[in-house]
Amino acid sequence: MKKIIFINLVLLLTACSLYAQVDVQNNGIVYIGSATDTFFVGGAFVNASGSAFTNNGIAQVKRDLTNDQSAMAAGTGTLYLNGAVAQAVGGAQTLKTNNLITNNSAGITLNNNLSVSGLHTFTAGLITTAVTPNYMIYEAGSSYTGDNDSRHIDGWVKKIGNTDFIFPVGSNIYERTVALTGLTANSEFDVKRNPRVTPNFIQLLSPLVLVDTSEYWRINKISGGAANISLNWNTAKVPSYSVLLSDVRIAFYDAGISYWTNIGGTATGNTSTIGSVTTNNISIFNNNFTLGSISFTLPLQITNFTGKRSNDVTKLNWTVANEMNIQKYELQRSDDAINFYTINTQYPFNTNNSAFYSYDDRTSVHGQAYYRVRCTGNNMSIKYSDVVKVSSQENRYDFYVIKNPVDAVIEIYADNSYKGIYNYTLVNTAGQLMQSGSLNISAGGVQSINLQSNLTTGTYVLLVKNAENILRKTIIKQ
């Protein structure tokens, strides 16, 4: 027969709702004997020093849970942390449970260690560990399920045992897991993901030429043997580098020499979308780890460069992709389409993402003027944009892509002089046709091309043309 156990509360609850918000402190013995027994606390629960709490059934706590009992037994039951407001786990001693269900959209903070011996089910909400640090501990033989971007550990995770394990770590926005596989001995590892700028990312030991600047993981080995490390990337969550897949590696920060060092690895996937890289069995831990590469990013792409003369000002805009290892941009002008001179210098963001730059040239134009962008890399390589021409006449014809990179729609501006029916094609860098159709420009203004939902992130070439006009642009799909 199912029993509901309310220890030390029988007299207090005679005039209250069965599930009232009442705090409970155990100063003696609470024993939940069988799988059908339920211990429910509508408020906070304190398991005091010198007490004994054993859960072989179901324990539900709606508010904060504090454990000061030393050598606490995990029992065979399930602990529910399923409050409607933010909860905290505290106390001086590790809180132990067999199974755990975390179901609190407001979140749970660990100001004390929380240990699981059986199955941890993520149902709702993040678990955040304090910086002390405190740990979400998975004992040998334990596992978890239900994790995702909104349900994972924002902080430290400890794993004990010798089986493969994926650490459900992340930030308060994204889950960014780390896997340890092929353990050679019973081990204890601690892992935390850091969603901040990677420290000393320019200190690289050959053959590394770059490391991820957006995130890194701390992996500590407390005891045990060697293991394989697997890191992953997902450009929809965190921008990554446009490098060759075969050159992706895992790097660790060697504090002894203050350099990021190559630790090897074999990568699978697509560097523009998702993938992972796994090392061979290694024993170097207690370091920061991140993604790296032994080759530079793919060449900078100038995806759009436009110039428009209006009210005696030439407005110049350019967009780039794969921006990394760029020293500077020089905007150059020519009055004869032969001799160019620099009128403005701008310095790059170098975040390996798309970037937008602009400049207003207020110098007079007599007839026509020509502009280009000169890009200088850190290795002193030079790359030029296409040349754009502007006229001293204010009402210039316009036909161009408004925003690049794009998401679900390509927007094109066309003035009245470009009225007509156009055919368009979108091909990938391998020359494969990915989308085609027609575009009816019946009046001047913004025209839209809706991209197919299955079009993946990457670089494409857009061609819009009819018998009189043509527009050709490199498009970056985010």
Protein backbone atom coordinates (compact mmCIF):
# COMPACT_ATOMS: atom_id res chain seq x y z
CA MET A 1 0.00 0.00 0.00
CA LYS A 2 1.36 3.41 -0.93
CA LYS A 3 2.35 5.59 2.00
CA ILE A 4 2.92 9.35 2.04
CA ILE A 5 5.43 10.26 4.73
CA PHE A 6 5.48 13.70 6.36
CA ILE A 7 8.09 13.41 9.09
CA ASN A 8 7.78 15.91 12.01
CA LEU A 9 4.80 17.62 10.33
CA VAL A 10 1.74 15.60 11.38
CA LEU A 11 0.51 18.12 13.95
CA LEU A 12 1.36 21.14 11.86
CA LEU A 13 -0.62 19.91 8.86
CA THR A 14 -3.91 19.06 10.58
CA ALA A 15 -5.41 22.40 9.54
CA CYS A 16 -3.46 22.83 6.29
CA SER A 17 -3.59 21.66 2.73
CA LEU A 18 -1.78 18.36 2.30
CA TYR A 19 0.77 20.00 -0.01
CA ALA A 20 1.18 23.33 1.78
CA GLN A 21 4.51 25.14 1.57
CA VAL A 22 6.00 24.07 4.90
CA ASP A 23 9.71 23.84 5.66
CA VAL A 24 11.07 20.63 7.17
CA GLN A 25 14.20 20.02 9.24
CA ASN A 26 15.29 16.47 10.00
CA ASN A 27 17.14 16.19 13.30
CA GLY A 28 16.56 12.48 13.67
CA ILE A 29 15.82 9.66 11.24
CA VAL A 30 13.85 9.81 8.00
CA TYR A 31 13.58 6.41 6.34
CA ILE A 32 11.58 6.06 3.11
CA GLY A 33 11.29 2.32 3.03
CA SER A 34 9.94 1.15 -0.34
CA ALA A 35 9.53 2.26 -3.95
CA THR A 36 5.89 3.26 -3.36
CA ASP A 37 6.59 5.42 -0.29
CA THR A 38 6.57 9.19 -0.89
CA PHE A 39 8.19 11.92 1.19
CA PHE A 40 6.89 15.34 0.12
CA VAL A 41 8.21 18.72 1.26
CA GLY A 42 6.33 21.74 -0.06
CA GLY A 43 8.98 24.13 1.25
CA ALA A 44 12.67 23.85 2.08
CA PHE A 45 14.24 20.69 3.51
CA VAL A 46 17.23 20.66 5.88
CA ASN A 47 18.91 17.36 6.69
CA ALA A 48 20.85 18.35 9.80
CA SER A 49 24.23 17.17 11.04
CA GLY A 50 23.90 13.97 13.02
CA SER A 51 20.63 13.03 11.34
CA ALA A 52 19.97 10.09 9.01
CA PHE A 53 18.05 10.31 5.72
CA THR A 54 17.53 7.26 3.53
CA ASN A 55 15.45 7.39 0.36
CA ASN A 56 14.37 4.03 -1.05
CA GLY A 57 11.18 5.48 -2.49
CA ILE A 58 10.23 8.96 -3.72
CA ALA A 59 11.37 12.25 -2.18
CA GLN A 60 10.02 15.52 -3.56
CA VAL A 61 11.41 18.89 -2.47
CA LYS A 62 9.88 22.12 -3.80
CA ARG A 63 12.32 24.65 -2.33
CA ASP A 64 15.95 24.67 -1.18
CA LEU A 65 17.57 21.46 0.03
CA THR A 66 20.40 21.50 2.59
CA ASN A 67 22.41 18.45 3.62
CA ASP A 68 24.77 18.35 6.60
CA GLN A 69 24.66 14.58 7.11
CA SER A 70 28.05 13.01 6.62
CA ALA A 71 28.42 9.64 4.87
CA MET A 72 24.92 9.95 3.44
CA ALA A 73 23.63 6.81 1.68
CA ALA A 74 22.36 7.15 -1.88
CA GLY A 75 19.51 4.70 -1.25
CA THR A 76 17.57 3.10 -4.08
CA GLY A 77 14.89 5.75 -4.60
CA THR A 78 14.37 8.91 -6.65
CA LEU A 79 14.82 12.53 -5.63
CA TYR A 80 12.65 15.12 -7.37
CA LEU A 81 13.81 18.74 -7.41
CA ASN A 82 10.69 20.13 -9.02
CA GLY A 83 9.93 23.51 -7.56
CA ALA A 84 8.22 26.43 -9.28
CA VAL A 85 10.80 28.98 -8.10
CA ALA A 86 14.60 28.82 -8.21
CA GLN A 87 16.04 26.17 -5.93
CA ALA A 88 19.44 25.74 -4.30
CA VAL A 89 21.25 22.70 -2.96
CA GLY A 90 23.47 23.58 -0.03
CA GLY A 91 25.05 22.30 3.15
CA ALA A 92 28.40 21.04 4.35
CA GLN A 93 28.16 17.47 3.04
CA THR A 94 27.56 15.92 -0.40
CA LEU A 95 23.89 15.26 -1.11
CA LYS A 96 23.54 11.71 -2.48
CA THR A 97 20.70 10.11 -4.37
CA ASN A 98 20.18 7.07 -6.54
CA ASN A 99 17.94 8.52 -9.25
CA LEU A 100 17.43 12.24 -9.78
CA ILE A 101 14.75 14.16 -11.69
CA THR A 102 15.37 17.89 -12.12
CA ASN A 103 12.24 19.68 -13.26
CA ASN A 104 12.46 23.37 -12.47
CA SER A 105 12.30 25.93 -15.28
CA ALA A 106 13.54 28.60 -12.85
CA GLY A 107 16.80 26.68 -12.41
CA ILE A 108 18.73 24.89 -9.66
CA THR A 109 21.99 26.15 -8.13
CA LEU A 110 24.47 23.78 -6.52
CA ASN A 111 26.14 25.43 -3.53
CA ASN A 112 27.09 21.92 -2.47
CA ASN A 113 27.96 18.70 -4.31
CA LEU A 114 25.06 16.65 -5.67
CA SER A 115 25.83 12.99 -6.41
CA VAL A 116 23.82 10.60 -8.61
CA SER A 117 24.38 6.83 -8.57
CA GLY A 118 21.58 5.83 -10.95
CA LEU A 119 19.74 7.80 -13.66
CA HIS A 120 19.51 11.59 -13.82
CA THR A 121 16.56 12.79 -15.91
CA PHE A 122 16.70 16.40 -17.13
CA THR A 123 13.09 17.53 -17.50
CA ALA A 124 13.29 21.33 -17.30
CA GLY A 125 15.75 24.01 -16.29
CA LEU A 126 19.49 24.54 -16.00
CA ILE A 127 21.67 23.31 -13.16
CA THR A 128 24.31 25.89 -12.23
CA THR A 129 27.26 25.02 -10.02
CA ALA A 130 28.83 27.56 -7.68
CA VAL A 131 32.36 28.77 -8.35
CA THR A 132 33.74 27.27 -5.11
CA PRO A 133 33.68 24.91 -7.07
CA ASN A 134 30.82 22.55 -6.41
CA TYR A 135 30.07 19.59 -8.63
CA MET A 136 27.28 17.68 -10.28
CA ILE A 137 28.70 14.20 -9.63
CA TYR A 138 27.95 11.11 -11.71
CA GLU A 139 29.12 8.04 -9.84
CA ALA A 140 30.39 4.85 -11.52
CA GLY A 141 27.56 3.21 -13.44
CA SER A 142 25.33 6.32 -13.47
CA SER A 143 23.87 7.98 -16.56
CA TYR A 144 21.56 10.80 -17.64
CA THR A 145 18.91 11.56 -20.23
CA GLY A 146 16.86 14.50 -21.51
CA ASP A 147 19.65 17.09 -21.79
CA ASN A 148 19.58 19.88 -24.40
CA ASP A 149 20.33 23.60 -24.73
CA SER A 150 17.82 24.50 -22.03
CA ARG A 151 18.58 21.53 -19.76
CA HIS A 152 22.21 20.87 -18.86
CA ILE A 153 24.97 21.79 -16.38
CA ASP A 154 26.27 25.35 -16.43
CA GLY A 155 29.42 24.69 -14.42
CA TRP A 156 31.40 21.72 -13.13
CA VAL A 157 30.60 18.06 -13.80
CA LYS A 158 32.50 15.23 -12.10
CA LYS A 159 32.48 11.67 -13.50
CA ILE A 160 33.77 8.61 -11.66
CA GLY A 161 34.33 5.22 -13.31
CA ASN A 162 35.95 3.65 -16.36
CA THR A 163 33.17 3.86 -18.97
CA ASP A 164 32.74 6.31 -21.85
CA PHE A 165 30.96 9.48 -20.80
CA ILE A 166 29.65 12.64 -22.46
CA PHE A 167 29.76 15.56 -20.04
CA PRO A 168 26.49 17.57 -20.33
CA VAL A 169 28.20 20.93 -19.84
CA GLY A 170 27.41 24.28 -21.40
CA SER A 171 26.49 27.87 -20.67
CA ASN A 172 23.15 29.44 -19.88
CA ILE A 173 22.40 29.53 -23.62
CA TYR A 174 23.87 26.43 -25.25
CA GLU A 175 24.91 22.92 -24.27
CA ARG A 176 28.48 22.28 -25.48
CA THR A 177 29.43 18.75 -24.49
CA VAL A 178 32.81 17.05 -24.08
CA ALA A 179 33.26 13.29 -24.41
CA LEU A 180 35.89 11.11 -22.74
CA THR A 181 36.18 7.63 -24.21
CA GLY A 182 38.49 4.64 -24.08
CA LEU A 183 39.42 5.09 -20.41
CA THR A 184 42.29 2.83 -19.45
CA ALA A 185 41.49 2.70 -15.72
CA ASN A 186 38.90 3.59 -13.13
CA SER A 187 39.16 7.39 -13.10
CA GLU A 188 37.79 10.64 -11.73
CA PHE A 189 37.48 13.56 -14.17
CA ASP A 190 36.12 17.11 -13.73
CA VAL A 191 34.95 19.15 -16.74
CA LYS A 192 33.69 22.71 -17.19
CA ARG A 193 32.93 24.70 -20.34
CA ASN A 194 33.97 28.38 -20.44
CA PRO A 195 31.94 30.54 -22.87
CA ARG A 196 34.42 33.41 -22.82
CA VAL A 197 37.28 34.66 -24.95
CA THR A 198 39.97 31.98 -25.02
CA PRO A 199 42.98 33.19 -23.01
CA ASN A 200 46.29 33.83 -24.79
CA PHE A 201 44.86 32.64 -28.10
CA ILE A 202 47.75 34.19 -30.06
CA GLN A 203 50.35 32.14 -28.12
CA LEU A 204 50.60 29.12 -30.43
CA LEU A 205 53.22 26.41 -30.68
CA SER A 206 53.83 24.98 -34.16
CA PRO A 207 52.16 23.33 -36.02
CA LEU A 208 49.10 25.17 -34.65
CA VAL A 209 48.27 28.37 -36.52
CA LEU A 210 45.01 29.21 -34.75
CA VAL A 211 42.72 28.15 -31.91
CA ASP A 212 39.06 28.85 -31.28
CA THR A 213 38.73 32.27 -29.65
CA SER A 214 35.10 31.87 -28.50
CA GLU A 215 35.11 28.97 -26.03
CA TYR A 216 37.28 26.46 -24.22
CA TRP A 217 36.90 23.60 -21.76
CA ARG A 218 38.76 22.79 -18.56
CA ILE A 219 39.40 19.05 -18.13
CA ASN A 220 40.96 17.93 -14.85
CA LYS A 221 41.99 14.38 -14.02
CA ILE A 222 41.81 13.80 -10.29
CA SER A 223 42.86 10.17 -10.55
CA GLY A 224 42.99 7.30 -13.05
CA GLY A 225 44.40 6.63 -16.48
CA ALA A 226 44.42 7.85 -20.07
CA ALA A 227 41.43 8.68 -22.29
CA ASN A 228 40.40 10.01 -25.69
CA ILE A 229 39.00 13.56 -25.78
CA SER A 230 36.23 14.54 -28.20
CA LEU A 231 35.26 18.18 -28.79
CA ASN A 232 32.58 19.33 -31.19
CA TRP A 233 31.48 22.43 -33.05
CA ASN A 234 28.09 23.71 -34.15
CA THR A 235 28.17 26.97 -36.10
CA ALA A 236 24.48 27.59 -35.39
CA LYS A 237 25.43 27.96 -31.72
CA VAL A 238 29.01 29.25 -31.71
CA PRO A 239 30.80 30.60 -34.81
CA SER A 240 33.72 28.42 -35.82
CA TYR A 241 36.59 28.65 -38.26
CA SER A 242 36.44 28.08 -42.00
CA VAL A 243 39.36 25.66 -42.18
CA LEU A 244 40.05 22.36 -43.87
CA LEU A 245 38.41 19.47 -42.01
CA SER A 246 41.60 17.43 -42.26
CA ASP A 247 43.51 20.16 -40.39
CA VAL A 248 41.24 20.43 -37.35
CA ARG A 249 42.95 19.46 -34.10
CA ILE A 250 42.47 19.65 -30.33
CA ALA A 251 44.79 22.05 -28.54
CA PHE A 252 45.66 22.30 -24.86
CA TYR A 253 47.16 25.24 -23.02
CA ASP A 254 50.54 24.31 -21.58
CA ALA A 255 50.85 26.69 -18.64
CA GLY A 256 54.48 25.69 -18.18
CA ILE A 257 55.49 27.37 -21.43
CA SER A 258 52.41 29.62 -21.83
CA TYR A 259 51.54 28.27 -25.27
CA TRP A 260 48.64 26.45 -26.87
CA THR A 261 49.98 23.08 -28.00
CA ASN A 262 48.71 20.58 -30.56
CA ILE A 263 47.46 17.34 -29.04
CA GLY A 264 46.24 15.84 -32.32
CA GLY A 265 42.90 14.47 -33.34
CA THR A 266 40.84 13.22 -36.28
CA ALA A 267 37.84 15.29 -37.36
CA THR A 268 34.55 14.33 -38.98
CA GLY A 269 31.65 16.46 -40.19
CA ASN A 270 31.59 19.83 -41.95
CA THR A 271 33.52 22.86 -40.68
CA SER A 272 30.78 25.21 -41.88
CA THR A 273 28.01 23.41 -39.94
CA ILE A 274 28.62 20.69 -37.34
CA GLY A 275 31.33 18.16 -36.60
CA SER A 276 33.68 16.77 -33.99
CA VAL A 277 37.33 15.91 -33.46
CA THR A 278 38.73 13.09 -31.30
CA THR A 279 42.26 12.54 -30.05
CA ASN A 280 44.09 9.28 -29.57
CA ASN A 281 44.50 8.03 -25.98
CA ILE A 282 46.24 10.77 -23.99
CA SER A 283 47.28 11.28 -20.37
CA ILE A 284 47.82 15.06 -20.47
CA PHE A 285 45.04 16.68 -18.45
CA ASN A 286 44.54 19.44 -15.86
CA ASN A 287 44.61 21.97 -18.71
CA ASN A 288 42.33 24.12 -20.81
CA PHE A 289 41.35 22.52 -24.14
CA THR A 290 39.84 23.97 -27.31
CA LEU A 291 39.53 23.46 -31.04
CA GLY A 292 42.54 24.34 -33.19
CA SER A 293 43.88 24.05 -36.71
CA ILE A 294 47.24 23.48 -38.35
CA SER A 295 46.24 25.59 -41.37
CA PHE A 296 44.89 29.10 -41.72
CA THR A 297 41.26 29.83 -42.38
CA LEU A 298 40.00 29.69 -45.92
CA PRO A 299 40.69 32.93 -47.82
CA LEU A 300 38.82 36.10 -46.97
CA GLN A 301 35.80 36.65 -49.19
CA ILE A 302 34.53 40.10 -50.09
CA THR A 303 30.90 39.15 -50.55
CA ASN A 304 29.55 42.59 -51.39
CA PHE A 305 31.01 45.99 -52.33
CA THR A 306 28.71 48.85 -53.33
CA GLY A 307 29.01 52.56 -53.95
CA LYS A 308 26.25 55.12 -54.41
CA ARG A 309 26.49 58.85 -55.03
CA SER A 310 23.81 60.87 -53.26
CA ASN A 311 23.71 64.53 -52.16
CA ASP A 312 27.36 65.03 -53.14
CA VAL A 313 28.49 62.09 -50.97
CA THR A 314 29.65 58.68 -52.18
CA LYS A 315 28.44 56.05 -49.73
CA LEU A 316 30.66 52.95 -49.87
CA ASN A 317 29.81 49.67 -48.12
CA TRP A 318 31.52 46.30 -48.15
CA THR A 319 30.84 42.97 -46.46
CA VAL A 320 33.39 40.21 -45.89
CA ALA A 321 33.27 36.58 -44.79
CA ASN A 322 35.94 34.29 -43.29
CA GLU A 323 37.57 37.34 -41.74
CA MET A 324 40.69 36.18 -39.92
CA ASN A 325 44.37 37.17 -39.95
CA ILE A 326 43.61 40.44 -41.78
CA GLN A 327 45.87 43.40 -41.02
CA LYS A 328 43.89 46.26 -42.58
CA TYR A 329 41.50 47.43 -45.29
CA GLU A 330 42.42 50.35 -47.54
CA LEU A 331 39.59 51.99 -49.45
CA GLN A 332 41.09 53.27 -52.68
CA ARG A 333 39.78 55.71 -55.29
CA SER A 334 40.69 56.45 -58.89
CA ASP A 335 39.51 59.25 -61.14
CA ASP A 336 40.70 57.57 -64.35
CA ALA A 337 40.16 53.84 -63.58
CA ILE A 338 43.96 53.35 -63.76
CA ASN A 339 45.71 55.11 -60.89
CA PHE A 340 44.29 54.33 -57.44
CA TYR A 341 45.10 56.09 -54.18
CA THR A 342 44.04 55.35 -50.56
CA ILE A 343 41.35 57.59 -49.09
CA ASN A 344 40.55 55.63 -45.90
CA THR A 345 42.08 52.84 -43.78
CA GLN A 346 40.04 50.61 -41.48
CA TYR A 347 41.16 47.82 -39.16
CA PRO A 348 39.38 44.43 -39.02
CA PHE A 349 37.43 42.69 -36.27
CA ASN A 350 39.12 39.34 -37.11
CA THR A 351 36.42 37.25 -35.44
CA ASN A 352 36.28 34.73 -38.32
CA ASN A 353 32.69 35.80 -38.93
CA SER A 354 31.04 38.06 -41.47
CA ALA A 355 31.73 41.76 -40.99
CA PHE A 356 30.38 45.00 -42.44
CA TYR A 357 32.34 48.19 -43.15
CA SER A 358 31.38 51.57 -44.58
CA TYR A 359 32.80 54.96 -45.47
CA ASP A 360 31.43 58.22 -46.88
CA ASP A 361 33.62 59.92 -49.48
CA ARG A 362 32.70 63.61 -49.51
CA THR A 363 35.21 64.57 -52.18
CA SER A 364 33.75 65.91 -55.41
CA VAL A 365 33.26 63.64 -58.40
CA HIS A 366 33.86 65.14 -61.82
CA GLY A 367 32.16 62.83 -64.25
CA GLN A 368 32.97 59.43 -62.76
CA ALA A 369 34.98 57.93 -59.92
CA TYR A 370 36.17 54.38 -59.33
CA TYR A 371 36.60 52.59 -55.98
CA ARG A 372 38.08 49.33 -54.71
CA VAL A 373 39.08 47.78 -51.36
CA ARG A 374 42.66 46.63 -50.84
CA CYS A 375 42.93 43.93 -48.13
CA THR A 376 46.28 43.21 -46.47
CA GLY A 377 46.75 39.99 -44.50
CA ASN A 378 49.03 39.47 -41.51
CA ASN A 379 51.35 37.55 -43.84
CA MET A 380 51.39 40.65 -46.12
CA SER A 381 49.29 38.96 -48.81
CA ILE A 382 47.11 41.34 -50.83
CA LYS A 383 43.57 40.89 -52.09
CA TYR A 384 41.42 43.37 -54.02
CA SER A 385 37.68 43.75 -54.29
CA ASP A 386 35.87 44.33 -57.55
CA VAL A 387 35.91 47.93 -58.78
CA VAL A 388 32.70 49.93 -58.46
CA LYS A 389 31.96 53.05 -60.50
CA VAL A 390 29.91 56.04 -59.43
CA SER A 391 28.71 59.00 -61.45
CA SER A 392 28.41 62.63 -60.55
CA GLN A 393 24.75 62.30 -61.49
CA GLU A 394 22.76 61.74 -58.32
CA ASN A 395 20.04 59.51 -59.77
CA ARG A 396 22.10 56.46 -60.50
CA TYR A 397 20.53 53.14 -61.48
CA ASP A 398 20.53 50.62 -58.64
CA PHE A 399 20.39 46.82 -58.72
CA TYR A 400 22.07 45.09 -55.77
CA VAL A 401 21.76 42.67 -52.85
CA ILE A 402 20.80 44.65 -49.75
CA LYS A 403 22.06 42.41 -46.95
CA ASN A 404 24.72 39.75 -47.03
CA PRO A 405 25.08 37.25 -45.25
CA VAL A 406 21.46 36.13 -45.47
CA ASP A 407 19.24 33.88 -43.41
CA ALA A 408 15.98 32.73 -44.99
CA VAL A 409 15.51 35.46 -47.63
CA ILE A 410 17.72 37.21 -50.19
CA GLU A 411 16.59 40.84 -50.54
CA ILE A 412 17.44 42.71 -53.74
CA TYR A 413 16.96 46.41 -54.40
CA ALA A 414 16.05 47.38 -57.95
CA ASP A 415 14.96 50.79 -59.15
CA ASN A 416 12.34 51.38 -61.84
CA SER A 417 14.86 51.08 -64.66
CA TYR A 418 15.20 47.36 -63.89
CA LYS A 419 11.57 46.41 -64.38
CA GLY A 420 11.06 43.07 -66.03
CA ILE A 421 10.94 39.31 -65.54
CA TYR A 422 14.20 37.70 -64.50
CA ASN A 423 15.43 34.14 -64.07
CA TYR A 424 17.67 33.40 -61.12
CA THR A 425 19.93 30.52 -60.09
CA LEU A 426 21.76 29.74 -56.86
CA VAL A 427 24.74 27.37 -57.08
CA ASN A 428 27.16 26.15 -54.45
CA THR A 429 30.95 26.39 -54.60
CA ALA A 430 31.08 23.02 -56.37
CA GLY A 431 28.93 24.41 -59.19
CA GLN A 432 25.82 22.41 -58.25
CA LEU A 433 22.45 24.05 -58.82
CA MET A 434 20.73 24.38 -55.44
CA GLN A 435 17.74 26.60 -56.29
CA SER A 436 16.27 28.38 -59.30
CA GLY A 437 13.18 30.34 -60.24
CA SER A 438 11.82 33.57 -61.68
CA LEU A 439 11.61 37.09 -60.27
CA ASN A 440 9.04 39.59 -61.50
CA ILE A 441 10.18 43.15 -60.87
CA SER A 442 7.05 45.13 -61.61
CA ALA A 443 8.08 48.29 -59.76
CA GLY A 444 11.14 49.77 -58.11
CA GLY A 445 11.89 48.73 -54.54
CA VAL A 446 12.88 45.65 -52.55
CA GLN A 447 12.44 42.24 -54.17
CA SER A 448 12.66 39.00 -52.19
CA ILE A 449 13.87 35.49 -53.00
CA ASN A 450 12.78 33.01 -50.34
CA LEU A 451 15.39 30.34 -49.76
CA GLN A 452 14.42 26.70 -49.51
CA SER A 453 14.26 25.43 -45.94
CA ASN A 454 16.75 22.64 -46.64
CA LEU A 455 19.45 24.99 -47.93
CA THR A 456 22.42 24.53 -45.59
CA THR A 457 24.82 27.11 -44.22
CA GLY A 458 27.56 27.94 -46.72
CA THR A 459 28.72 30.02 -49.68
CA TYR A 460 26.68 30.30 -52.89
CA VAL A 461 26.69 32.31 -56.11
CA LEU A 462 23.47 34.12 -57.05
CA LEU A 463 22.82 34.97 -60.71
CA VAL A 464 19.78 37.12 -61.61
CA LYS A 465 19.41 38.03 -65.30
CA ASN A 466 17.21 38.78 -68.26
CA ALA A 467 18.07 39.91 -71.78
CA GLU A 468 19.06 43.42 -70.67
CA ASN A 469 20.43 43.19 -67.13
CA ILE A 470 22.43 40.86 -64.93
CA LEU A 471 23.25 40.69 -61.23
CA ARG A 472 25.88 38.26 -59.95
CA LYS A 473 26.79 38.11 -56.23
CA THR A 474 28.47 35.71 -53.82
CA ILE A 475 25.98 34.95 -51.04
CA ILE A 476 26.78 33.70 -47.54
CA LYS A 477 23.92 31.63 -46.07
CA GLN A 478 23.93 31.71 -42.25
